[in-house]
Amino acid sequence: MSKEHGPDLKRLTTRARCGDIEAQYLLAKKLCEGSSSQFRQGIKWLQRAARSHQVVAQFVLGVYLNEGIYLKKNSRKAQQWLRESRRNDTHGTVRKKMIDPLVFQWYFKAAKIGDVTGCYNVGYGYEHGSGVTKDAKKARFWYKRAARKGDMDACHKVGFLLEKAGSVRQAVGWYRKAAERGNPDSMFNLALCYDYGKGVRADVRSAFTWYHKAALKGDIWAQNNLARAYAEGWGVRQDVAKALFWFRRAASQGDAKAQFNLGQHYEKAKGVRRSLSRALGWYGKAAAQGHAKARRRVKVLKTDHS
């Protein structure tokens, strides 16, 4: 054991023995990166963490069982652990995990046997160059594999990468598929396509419809655009009260554009009693996030009332 890693391993071991399942997984990962004897210890901690419902440990154990890595190959048990990981991963922990070269290999092995989480994460690795050389075509390939297994986040990613590559018409088809299955990111992007006529004929009513669906799902950019639609009577009958409702929803969640727009309503008395203090407050929040127009309004209002 090297001096560099000794203290870390000692602390992790202490925490792991006290029942800390995250420490059990991290200890297993460190040991699995070491010598053969350390790897065997790592497998024991990996199994212990998996039995305690640590979702990444369950995923990795499934991969190792399928590949026969320091464990007797057992495809049936491998699939059981992979299913258990998917079932317990309610917060997307496995998917959101930062990918290093070792973790990427775990995902790649899972992807080769058709695991949807593995397919998505291999796509993510290739998209961002995490754990592997960046390759947009390979990213699309693996995202498509995940999408065909019903992963709508992957479906959205295919659309996004196609749009980025200039294949907007194809992207619209993938956005539509994911949007119709409830993906808010695709709902918003599909709305933008209808809004600006990208890959489809411009259609303000369709844009409004998808902004509304995405806004109901909590997408703050969609909420701001929906508010603007109500404020301007764009694709829907003008309704300032509804515009203010959606501006407030987005602004309260930190959207700088909505904060600026809400400031405009208070400054110009659009649907509310004029209040320069409230306008300044919302402009200030937007300005703090780098919104250039909001910064200018803050400067003007402070100068006029100094």
Protein backbone atom coordinates (compact mmCIF):
# COMPACT_ATOMS: atom_id res chain seq x y z
CA MET A 1 0.00 0.00 0.00
CA SER A 2 1.56 3.32 -1.05
CA LYS A 3 1.87 6.27 1.33
CA GLU A 4 -0.13 8.34 -1.14
CA HIS A 5 -3.22 6.17 -0.85
CA GLY A 6 -2.68 4.72 2.63
CA PRO A 7 -4.49 7.37 4.73
CA ASP A 8 -7.45 7.47 2.30
CA LEU A 9 -7.83 3.70 2.41
CA LYS A 10 -7.55 3.69 6.19
CA ARG A 11 -10.29 6.30 6.59
CA LEU A 12 -12.52 4.60 4.03
CA THR A 13 -12.03 1.23 5.71
CA THR A 14 -13.03 2.67 9.09
CA ARG A 15 -16.17 4.24 7.64
CA ALA A 16 -17.01 1.13 5.63
CA ARG A 17 -16.76 -1.09 8.72
CA CYS A 18 -19.16 1.27 10.49
CA GLY A 19 -21.78 0.56 7.81
CA ASP A 20 -21.32 3.61 5.54
CA ILE A 21 -22.43 2.14 2.19
CA GLU A 22 -20.94 5.00 0.13
CA ALA A 23 -17.59 4.37 1.83
CA GLN A 24 -18.00 0.66 1.12
CA TYR A 25 -18.41 1.38 -2.59
CA LEU A 26 -15.52 3.89 -2.70
CA LEU A 27 -13.30 1.47 -0.81
CA ALA A 28 -14.22 -1.29 -3.25
CA LYS A 29 -13.41 1.00 -6.20
CA LYS A 30 -9.99 1.93 -4.80
CA LEU A 31 -9.11 -1.68 -4.00
CA CYS A 32 -10.28 -2.87 -7.42
CA GLU A 33 -7.84 -0.43 -9.01
CA GLY A 34 -4.95 -1.95 -7.02
CA SER A 35 -3.15 -5.31 -7.00
CA SER A 36 -4.79 -8.72 -7.43
CA SER A 37 -4.98 -9.28 -3.68
CA GLN A 38 -6.54 -5.83 -3.20
CA PHE A 39 -8.99 -6.55 -6.01
CA ARG A 40 -10.27 -9.62 -4.13
CA GLN A 41 -10.84 -7.49 -1.03
CA GLY A 42 -12.52 -4.90 -3.22
CA ILE A 43 -14.97 -7.48 -4.57
CA LYS A 44 -16.01 -8.38 -1.01
CA TRP A 45 -16.72 -4.73 -0.20
CA LEU A 46 -18.49 -4.34 -3.53
CA GLN A 47 -20.80 -7.25 -2.69
CA ARG A 48 -21.43 -5.83 0.77
CA ALA A 49 -22.33 -2.40 -0.62
CA ALA A 50 -24.57 -3.99 -3.28
CA ARG A 51 -26.47 -5.99 -0.65
CA SER A 52 -27.00 -2.69 1.20
CA HIS A 53 -28.66 -1.23 -1.93
CA GLN A 54 -25.80 1.00 -3.13
CA VAL A 55 -26.92 1.36 -6.74
CA VAL A 56 -23.51 1.88 -8.39
CA ALA A 57 -22.13 -1.16 -6.54
CA GLN A 58 -25.11 -3.20 -7.76
CA PHE A 59 -24.45 -2.06 -11.32
CA VAL A 60 -20.73 -2.85 -11.19
CA LEU A 61 -21.34 -6.22 -9.53
CA GLY A 62 -23.71 -7.08 -12.36
CA VAL A 63 -21.01 -6.23 -14.90
CA TYR A 64 -18.38 -8.30 -13.10
CA LEU A 65 -20.67 -11.33 -12.81
CA ASN A 66 -21.51 -11.12 -16.49
CA GLU A 67 -17.83 -10.87 -17.47
CA GLY A 68 -16.52 -13.33 -14.89
CA ILE A 69 -14.13 -10.77 -13.39
CA TYR A 70 -12.76 -12.24 -10.14
CA LEU A 71 -16.13 -13.94 -9.78
CA LYS A 72 -17.55 -17.02 -11.41
CA LYS A 73 -19.41 -15.94 -14.52
CA ASN A 74 -23.17 -15.98 -13.91
CA SER A 75 -25.34 -14.23 -16.48
CA ARG A 76 -28.58 -14.81 -14.54
CA LYS A 77 -27.25 -13.18 -11.36
CA ALA A 78 -25.64 -10.45 -13.45
CA GLN A 79 -29.00 -9.47 -14.93
CA GLN A 80 -30.59 -9.60 -11.48
CA TRP A 81 -28.08 -7.09 -10.10
CA LEU A 82 -28.39 -4.83 -13.15
CA ARG A 83 -32.19 -4.85 -12.80
CA GLU A 84 -31.88 -4.18 -9.06
CA SER A 85 -29.62 -1.21 -9.78
CA ARG A 86 -32.11 0.27 -12.26
CA ARG A 87 -35.01 -0.28 -9.87
CA ASN A 88 -33.24 1.39 -6.92
CA ASP A 89 -31.68 4.24 -8.89
CA THR A 90 -34.59 6.66 -8.37
CA HIS A 91 -32.31 9.74 -8.41
CA GLY A 92 -30.27 8.80 -11.49
CA THR A 93 -27.12 8.27 -9.39
CA VAL A 94 -25.56 5.78 -11.80
CA ARG A 95 -26.32 7.96 -14.81
CA LYS A 96 -25.09 11.19 -13.25
CA LYS A 97 -21.86 9.69 -11.98
CA MET A 98 -18.72 11.28 -13.38
CA ILE A 99 -17.06 8.83 -15.75
CA ASP A 100 -13.36 7.96 -15.46
CA PRO A 101 -11.64 5.33 -17.69
CA LEU A 102 -12.33 2.47 -15.26
CA VAL A 103 -16.00 3.39 -14.81
CA PHE A 104 -16.37 3.84 -18.58
CA GLN A 105 -15.21 0.24 -19.05
CA TRP A 106 -17.86 -0.92 -16.59
CA TYR A 107 -20.53 0.91 -18.58
CA PHE A 108 -19.18 -0.36 -21.89
CA LYS A 109 -19.32 -3.97 -20.72
CA ALA A 110 -22.89 -3.47 -19.49
CA ALA A 111 -23.84 -1.78 -22.76
CA LYS A 112 -22.54 -4.72 -24.79
CA ILE A 113 -25.03 -7.03 -23.03
CA GLY A 114 -27.88 -4.60 -23.69
CA ASP A 115 -28.13 -2.79 -20.35
CA VAL A 116 -29.91 0.51 -20.99
CA THR A 117 -27.99 2.42 -18.29
CA GLY A 118 -24.73 1.16 -19.76
CA CYS A 119 -25.78 2.23 -23.27
CA TYR A 120 -26.71 5.73 -22.07
CA ASN A 121 -23.51 6.23 -20.12
CA VAL A 122 -21.29 4.99 -22.93
CA GLY A 123 -23.06 7.56 -25.12
CA TYR A 124 -22.45 10.20 -22.45
CA GLY A 125 -18.78 9.25 -22.25
CA TYR A 126 -18.31 9.59 -26.00
CA GLU A 127 -20.30 12.84 -26.11
CA HIS A 128 -18.24 14.57 -23.42
CA GLY A 129 -14.93 12.77 -23.72
CA SER A 130 -15.35 11.37 -20.20
CA GLY A 131 -13.25 8.27 -19.71
CA VAL A 132 -12.77 7.90 -23.47
CA THR A 133 -11.86 10.00 -26.53
CA LYS A 134 -14.69 12.30 -27.58
CA ASP A 135 -16.63 10.97 -30.59
CA ALA A 136 -20.04 12.41 -31.51
CA LYS A 137 -20.91 9.60 -33.97
CA LYS A 138 -20.25 6.90 -31.39
CA ALA A 139 -22.19 8.93 -28.83
CA ARG A 140 -25.21 8.99 -31.15
CA PHE A 141 -24.87 5.25 -31.78
CA TRP A 142 -25.02 4.35 -28.09
CA TYR A 143 -27.72 6.90 -27.27
CA LYS A 144 -29.80 5.35 -30.06
CA ARG A 145 -29.29 1.92 -28.50
CA ALA A 146 -30.59 3.26 -25.18
CA ALA A 147 -33.45 5.13 -26.86
CA ARG A 148 -34.63 1.98 -28.63
CA LYS A 149 -34.88 0.36 -25.21
CA GLY A 150 -37.24 3.10 -24.08
CA ASP A 151 -34.85 5.65 -22.55
CA MET A 152 -36.34 9.03 -23.49
CA ASP A 153 -33.41 11.01 -22.07
CA ALA A 154 -31.26 9.16 -24.60
CA CYS A 155 -33.84 9.87 -27.29
CA HIS A 156 -33.52 13.58 -26.52
CA LYS A 157 -29.74 13.31 -26.68
CA VAL A 158 -29.91 11.79 -30.17
CA GLY A 159 -32.02 14.74 -31.30
CA PHE A 160 -29.68 17.23 -29.65
CA LEU A 161 -26.57 15.75 -31.27
CA LEU A 162 -28.26 15.59 -34.67
CA GLU A 163 -29.30 19.23 -34.41
CA LYS A 164 -25.76 20.14 -33.35
CA ALA A 165 -24.44 18.33 -36.44
CA GLY A 166 -26.82 20.29 -38.67
CA SER A 167 -29.35 17.49 -39.29
CA VAL A 168 -32.26 19.49 -37.89
CA ARG A 169 -35.08 17.67 -39.70
CA GLN A 170 -33.91 14.35 -38.29
CA ALA A 171 -33.49 15.96 -34.87
CA VAL A 172 -37.13 17.08 -34.88
CA GLY A 173 -38.27 13.47 -35.26
CA TRP A 174 -36.27 12.38 -32.21
CA TYR A 175 -37.42 15.41 -30.20
CA ARG A 176 -41.02 14.64 -31.09
CA LYS A 177 -40.70 11.01 -30.03
CA ALA A 178 -39.20 11.97 -26.66
CA ALA A 179 -41.61 14.89 -26.16
CA GLU A 180 -44.63 12.70 -26.76
CA ARG A 181 -43.29 10.34 -24.10
CA GLY A 182 -42.98 13.16 -21.57
CA ASN A 183 -39.39 14.41 -21.84
CA PRO A 184 -39.45 18.15 -20.92
CA ASP A 185 -36.14 18.99 -22.61
CA SER A 186 -37.46 17.64 -25.91
CA MET A 187 -40.76 19.44 -25.39
CA PHE A 188 -38.88 22.73 -25.09
CA ASN A 189 -36.58 22.05 -28.06
CA LEU A 190 -39.52 20.98 -30.21
CA ALA A 191 -41.27 24.23 -29.25
CA LEU A 192 -38.17 26.17 -30.34
CA CYS A 193 -38.17 24.35 -33.67
CA TYR A 194 -41.78 25.41 -34.30
CA ASP A 195 -41.04 28.89 -32.94
CA TYR A 196 -38.14 29.57 -35.32
CA GLY A 197 -39.06 27.22 -38.17
CA LYS A 198 -36.05 24.94 -37.64
CA GLY A 199 -36.57 21.61 -39.40
CA VAL A 200 -40.34 22.24 -39.57
CA ARG A 201 -42.60 24.98 -40.87
CA ALA A 202 -42.91 27.77 -38.28
CA ASP A 203 -46.16 27.37 -36.33
CA VAL A 204 -46.81 29.64 -33.33
CA ARG A 205 -49.73 27.54 -32.06
CA SER A 206 -47.68 24.36 -32.03
CA ALA A 207 -44.81 26.23 -30.39
CA PHE A 208 -47.17 27.53 -27.70
CA THR A 209 -48.56 24.02 -27.12
CA TRP A 210 -45.12 22.51 -26.51
CA TYR A 211 -43.91 25.45 -24.41
CA HIS A 212 -47.00 24.93 -22.25
CA LYS A 213 -46.38 21.20 -21.88
CA ALA A 214 -42.72 21.78 -20.98
CA ALA A 215 -43.64 24.56 -18.54
CA LEU A 216 -46.05 22.25 -16.71
CA LYS A 217 -43.15 19.79 -16.39
CA GLY A 218 -41.08 22.48 -14.65
CA ASP A 219 -38.82 23.67 -17.47
CA ILE A 220 -38.02 27.27 -16.48
CA TRP A 221 -36.97 28.37 -19.99
CA ALA A 222 -40.31 27.12 -21.29
CA GLN A 223 -42.08 28.93 -18.45
CA ASN A 224 -40.48 32.23 -19.46
CA ASN A 225 -41.32 31.73 -23.14
CA LEU A 226 -44.88 30.72 -22.25
CA ALA A 227 -45.21 33.87 -20.16
CA ARG A 228 -44.01 35.97 -23.10
CA ALA A 229 -46.57 34.27 -25.34
CA TYR A 230 -49.38 35.22 -22.94
CA ALA A 231 -47.97 38.74 -22.52
CA GLU A 232 -47.80 39.38 -26.27
CA GLY A 233 -50.80 37.32 -27.41
CA TRP A 234 -48.51 35.13 -29.45
CA GLY A 235 -50.14 31.81 -30.40
CA VAL A 236 -52.80 32.36 -27.75
CA ARG A 237 -55.18 35.10 -26.59
CA GLN A 238 -53.32 37.79 -24.64
CA ASP A 239 -53.62 37.29 -20.89
CA VAL A 240 -51.36 39.44 -18.70
CA ALA A 241 -52.42 37.68 -15.49
CA LYS A 242 -51.25 34.33 -16.85
CA ALA A 243 -48.11 35.95 -18.18
CA LEU A 244 -47.28 37.24 -14.70
CA PHE A 245 -48.03 33.83 -13.17
CA TRP A 246 -45.52 32.09 -15.43
CA PHE A 247 -42.91 34.87 -15.19
CA ARG A 248 -43.07 34.52 -11.39
CA ARG A 249 -42.78 30.72 -11.61
CA ALA A 250 -39.62 30.95 -13.72
CA ALA A 251 -38.16 33.96 -11.90
CA SER A 252 -38.57 32.34 -8.49
CA GLN A 253 -36.53 29.38 -9.77
CA GLY A 254 -33.70 31.65 -10.85
CA ASP A 255 -34.30 32.25 -14.56
CA ALA A 256 -32.59 35.57 -15.36
CA LYS A 257 -34.73 36.34 -18.42
CA ALA A 258 -37.93 35.86 -16.42
CA GLN A 259 -36.54 38.02 -13.63
CA PHE A 260 -35.80 40.79 -16.13
CA ASN A 261 -39.24 40.46 -17.73
CA LEU A 262 -40.91 40.61 -14.33
CA GLY A 263 -38.90 43.73 -13.57
CA GLN A 264 -40.23 45.27 -16.80
CA HIS A 265 -43.82 44.59 -15.75
CA TYR A 266 -43.30 46.31 -12.40
CA GLU A 267 -41.44 49.25 -13.94
CA LYS A 268 -44.01 49.81 -16.69
CA ALA A 269 -47.13 48.81 -14.70
CA LYS A 270 -48.06 45.95 -17.01
CA GLY A 271 -50.82 44.09 -15.20
CA VAL A 272 -49.52 45.20 -11.78
CA ARG A 273 -49.30 48.42 -9.81
CA ARG A 274 -46.11 50.27 -10.72
CA SER A 275 -43.36 49.59 -8.19
CA LEU A 276 -39.85 50.74 -8.92
CA SER A 277 -38.56 49.06 -5.78
CA ARG A 278 -39.89 45.69 -6.93
CA ALA A 279 -38.67 46.33 -10.46
CA LEU A 280 -35.22 47.13 -9.09
CA GLY A 281 -35.32 43.99 -6.96
CA TRP A 282 -36.02 41.71 -9.95
CA TYR A 283 -33.57 43.58 -12.18
CA GLY A 284 -30.96 43.16 -9.46
CA LYS A 285 -31.48 39.37 -9.35
CA ALA A 286 -31.14 39.13 -13.12
CA ALA A 287 -28.13 41.47 -13.16
CA ALA A 288 -26.38 39.29 -10.58
CA GLN A 289 -26.55 36.46 -13.12
CA GLY A 290 -24.96 38.58 -15.83
CA HIS A 291 -28.10 39.80 -17.65
CA ALA A 292 -26.81 42.86 -19.55
CA LYS A 293 -30.15 44.67 -20.01
CA ALA A 294 -30.98 44.17 -16.34
CA ARG A 295 -27.64 45.72 -15.36
CA ARG A 296 -28.44 48.77 -17.46
CA ARG A 297 -31.89 49.13 -15.89
CA VAL A 298 -30.42 48.87 -12.40
CA LYS A 299 -27.93 51.61 -13.24
CA VAL A 300 -30.63 53.88 -14.76
CA LEU A 301 -33.11 53.42 -11.89
CA LYS A 302 -30.46 54.00 -9.23
CA THR A 303 -29.21 57.12 -11.05
CA ASP A 304 -32.72 58.54 -11.51
CA HIS A 305 -33.59 58.06 -7.84
CA SER A 306 -30.28 58.87 -6.20
